[in-house]
Amino acid sequence: METMNEFCIEWVRGDSLATITAPMGTALYNRCMKLCQEYDECQQIDELVFHIPVKYVKVSHPRVVSEENRQKQAERLRRLKYTPEAGTAEKWDDGSMIARSGDETI
């Protein structure tokens, strides 16, 4: 079988369903498969073709994160560990605490 590299999302104005074509193994294909398993209004029509409600279709730009913020987030994830003795906060290796409801260091 030849590899398909084509993605397609289409719908007609006023129609409630969009047709999505996505190659197997892609994030869009996996997302459509999951929607079809969870919701009755989503249907897998063919091996690579899905009917999804138009209200489920969202197109957005990728999130832009500076290298400094990316490094801070990576460090936060590495150090973030819940310790029961810390109560409602999480204690980091350097002794600082982070509030569980927010992102500010205590």
C-alpha atoms as a PDB file:
ATOM      1  CA  MET A   1       0.000   0.000   0.000  1.00  0.00           C
ATOM      2  CA  GLU A   2       1.270   3.453  -0.890  1.00  0.00           C
ATOM      3  CA  THR A   3       1.825   5.931   1.941  1.00  0.00           C
ATOM      4  CA  MET A   4      -0.783   8.677   2.095  1.00  0.00           C
ATOM      5  CA  ASN A   5       0.481  12.120   3.114  1.00  0.00           C
ATOM      6  CA  GLU A   6      -2.757  14.011   2.561  1.00  0.00           C
ATOM      7  CA  PHE A   7      -4.921  15.656   5.216  1.00  0.00           C
ATOM      8  CA  CYS A   8      -8.336  17.137   4.471  1.00  0.00           C
ATOM      9  CA  ILE A   9     -10.990  18.847   6.612  1.00  0.00           C
ATOM     10  CA  GLU A  10     -14.103  19.954   4.762  1.00  0.00           C
ATOM     11  CA  TRP A  11     -17.701  20.931   5.441  1.00  0.00           C
ATOM     12  CA  VAL A  12     -20.537  22.761   3.768  1.00  0.00           C
ATOM     13  CA  ARG A  13     -21.905  25.883   5.423  1.00  0.00           C
ATOM     14  CA  GLY A  14     -25.064  25.021   7.300  1.00  0.00           C
ATOM     15  CA  ASP A  15     -24.175  21.327   7.554  1.00  0.00           C
ATOM     16  CA  SER A  16     -23.619  19.899  11.033  1.00  0.00           C
ATOM     17  CA  LEU A  17     -20.873  17.400  10.096  1.00  0.00           C
ATOM     18  CA  ALA A  18     -17.346  17.888   8.806  1.00  0.00           C
ATOM     19  CA  THR A  19     -15.490  15.227   6.824  1.00  0.00           C
ATOM     20  CA  ILE A  20     -11.920  14.639   7.965  1.00  0.00           C
ATOM     21  CA  THR A  21      -9.397  12.553   6.043  1.00  0.00           C
ATOM     22  CA  ALA A  22      -6.168  11.745   7.896  1.00  0.00           C
ATOM     23  CA  PRO A  23      -3.384   9.184   7.435  1.00  0.00           C
ATOM     24  CA  MET A  24      -3.044   6.401  10.011  1.00  0.00           C
ATOM     25  CA  GLY A  25      -0.578   6.985  12.802  1.00  0.00           C
ATOM     26  CA  THR A  26      -0.971  10.769  12.833  1.00  0.00           C
ATOM     27  CA  ALA A  27      -2.172  12.819  15.794  1.00  0.00           C
ATOM     28  CA  LEU A  28      -5.268  13.923  13.870  1.00  0.00           C
ATOM     29  CA  TYR A  29      -6.154  10.318  12.974  1.00  0.00           C
ATOM     30  CA  ASN A  30      -5.716   9.208  16.607  1.00  0.00           C
ATOM     31  CA  ARG A  31      -7.810  12.128  17.857  1.00  0.00           C
ATOM     32  CA  CYS A  32     -10.610  11.275  15.409  1.00  0.00           C
ATOM     33  CA  MET A  33     -10.511   7.595  16.423  1.00  0.00           C
ATOM     34  CA  LYS A  34     -10.803   8.571  20.093  1.00  0.00           C
ATOM     35  CA  LEU A  35     -13.751  10.882  19.349  1.00  0.00           C
ATOM     36  CA  CYS A  36     -15.515   8.097  17.432  1.00  0.00           C
ATOM     37  CA  GLN A  37     -15.060   5.721  20.362  1.00  0.00           C
ATOM     38  CA  GLU A  38     -16.354   8.224  22.926  1.00  0.00           C
ATOM     39  CA  TYR A  39     -19.197  10.018  21.105  1.00  0.00           C
ATOM     40  CA  ASP A  40     -22.067   8.615  19.036  1.00  0.00           C
ATOM     41  CA  GLU A  41     -22.258  11.709  16.800  1.00  0.00           C
ATOM     42  CA  CYS A  42     -18.741  10.945  15.459  1.00  0.00           C
ATOM     43  CA  GLN A  43     -18.431   8.175  12.870  1.00  0.00           C
ATOM     44  CA  GLN A  44     -15.596   6.450  11.094  1.00  0.00           C
ATOM     45  CA  ILE A  45     -16.809   6.200   7.487  1.00  0.00           C
ATOM     46  CA  ASP A  46     -13.782   4.551   5.927  1.00  0.00           C
ATOM     47  CA  GLU A  47     -10.344   3.460   7.079  1.00  0.00           C
ATOM     48  CA  LEU A  48      -9.078   7.064   6.856  1.00  0.00           C
ATOM     49  CA  VAL A  49     -12.316   9.106   6.681  1.00  0.00           C
ATOM     50  CA  PHE A  50     -14.356  10.415   9.609  1.00  0.00           C
ATOM     51  CA  HIS A  51     -17.543  12.453  10.060  1.00  0.00           C
ATOM     52  CA  ILE A  52     -17.155  14.767  13.042  1.00  0.00           C
ATOM     53  CA  PRO A  53     -19.538  17.543  14.179  1.00  0.00           C
ATOM     54  CA  VAL A  54     -18.370  20.922  12.843  1.00  0.00           C
ATOM     55  CA  LYS A  55     -18.360  22.323  16.387  1.00  0.00           C
ATOM     56  CA  TYR A  56     -15.512  19.872  17.201  1.00  0.00           C
ATOM     57  CA  VAL A  57     -13.232  21.281  14.468  1.00  0.00           C
ATOM     58  CA  LYS A  58     -10.684  23.795  15.751  1.00  0.00           C
ATOM     59  CA  VAL A  59      -7.736  25.330  13.938  1.00  0.00           C
ATOM     60  CA  SER A  60      -5.164  27.179  16.039  1.00  0.00           C
ATOM     61  CA  HIS A  61      -1.601  28.378  15.751  1.00  0.00           C
ATOM     62  CA  PRO A  62       1.180  26.673  17.713  1.00  0.00           C
ATOM     63  CA  ARG A  63       1.997  28.112  21.114  1.00  0.00           C
ATOM     64  CA  VAL A  64       5.113  30.279  21.049  1.00  0.00           C
ATOM     65  CA  VAL A  65       7.322  29.830  24.109  1.00  0.00           C
ATOM     66  CA  SER A  66      10.626  31.614  24.611  1.00  0.00           C
ATOM     67  CA  GLU A  67      13.696  29.484  25.259  1.00  0.00           C
ATOM     68  CA  GLU A  68      13.926  30.932  28.780  1.00  0.00           C
ATOM     69  CA  ASN A  69      10.324  29.943  29.606  1.00  0.00           C
ATOM     70  CA  ARG A  70      10.828  26.516  28.017  1.00  0.00           C
ATOM     71  CA  GLN A  71      13.823  25.917  30.295  1.00  0.00           C
ATOM     72  CA  LYS A  72      11.894  27.133  33.363  1.00  0.00           C
ATOM     73  CA  GLN A  73       8.995  24.793  32.549  1.00  0.00           C
ATOM     74  CA  ALA A  74      11.359  21.852  32.012  1.00  0.00           C
ATOM     75  CA  GLU A  75      13.099  22.536  35.330  1.00  0.00           C
ATOM     76  CA  ARG A  76       9.749  22.880  37.133  1.00  0.00           C
ATOM     77  CA  LEU A  77       8.588  19.526  35.770  1.00  0.00           C
ATOM     78  CA  ARG A  78      11.865  17.848  36.787  1.00  0.00           C
ATOM     79  CA  ARG A  79      11.658  19.144  40.351  1.00  0.00           C
ATOM     80  CA  LEU A  80       7.914  18.938  40.911  1.00  0.00           C
ATOM     81  CA  LYS A  81       7.171  16.178  43.387  1.00  0.00           C
ATOM     82  CA  TYR A  82       4.275  15.923  45.809  1.00  0.00           C
ATOM     83  CA  THR A  83       5.245  15.284  49.383  1.00  0.00           C
ATOM     84  CA  PRO A  84       2.436  14.589  51.881  1.00  0.00           C
ATOM     85  CA  GLU A  85       4.288  16.445  54.646  1.00  0.00           C
ATOM     86  CA  ALA A  86       4.148  19.596  52.503  1.00  0.00           C
ATOM     87  CA  GLY A  87       0.334  19.618  52.807  1.00  0.00           C
ATOM     88  CA  THR A  88      -1.291  21.673  50.069  1.00  0.00           C
ATOM     89  CA  ALA A  89       2.028  22.753  48.602  1.00  0.00           C
ATOM     90  CA  GLU A  90       4.754  20.884  46.812  1.00  0.00           C
ATOM     91  CA  LYS A  91       8.274  21.034  48.136  1.00  0.00           C
ATOM     92  CA  TRP A  92      11.167  21.309  45.708  1.00  0.00           C
ATOM     93  CA  ASP A  93      14.678  19.972  46.232  1.00  0.00           C
ATOM     94  CA  ASP A  94      16.032  23.501  46.809  1.00  0.00           C
ATOM     95  CA  GLY A  95      13.651  23.992  49.761  1.00  0.00           C
ATOM     96  CA  SER A  96      11.247  26.358  48.005  1.00  0.00           C
ATOM     97  CA  MET A  97       7.537  25.560  47.926  1.00  0.00           C
ATOM     98  CA  ILE A  98       5.006  25.950  45.139  1.00  0.00           C
ATOM     99  CA  ALA A  99       1.305  26.494  45.811  1.00  0.00           C
ATOM    100  CA  ARG A 100      -0.745  23.667  44.322  1.00  0.00           C
ATOM    101  CA  SER A 101      -3.502  26.025  43.174  1.00  0.00           C
ATOM    102  CA  GLY A 102      -1.187  28.393  41.321  1.00  0.00           C
ATOM    103  CA  ASP A 103       2.210  28.794  39.846  1.00  0.00           C
ATOM    104  CA  GLU A 104       3.872  31.134  42.318  1.00  0.00           C
ATOM    105  CA  THR A 105       6.822  30.130  44.449  1.00  0.00           C
ATOM    106  CA  ILE A 106       6.342  30.585  48.176  1.00  0.00           C
END
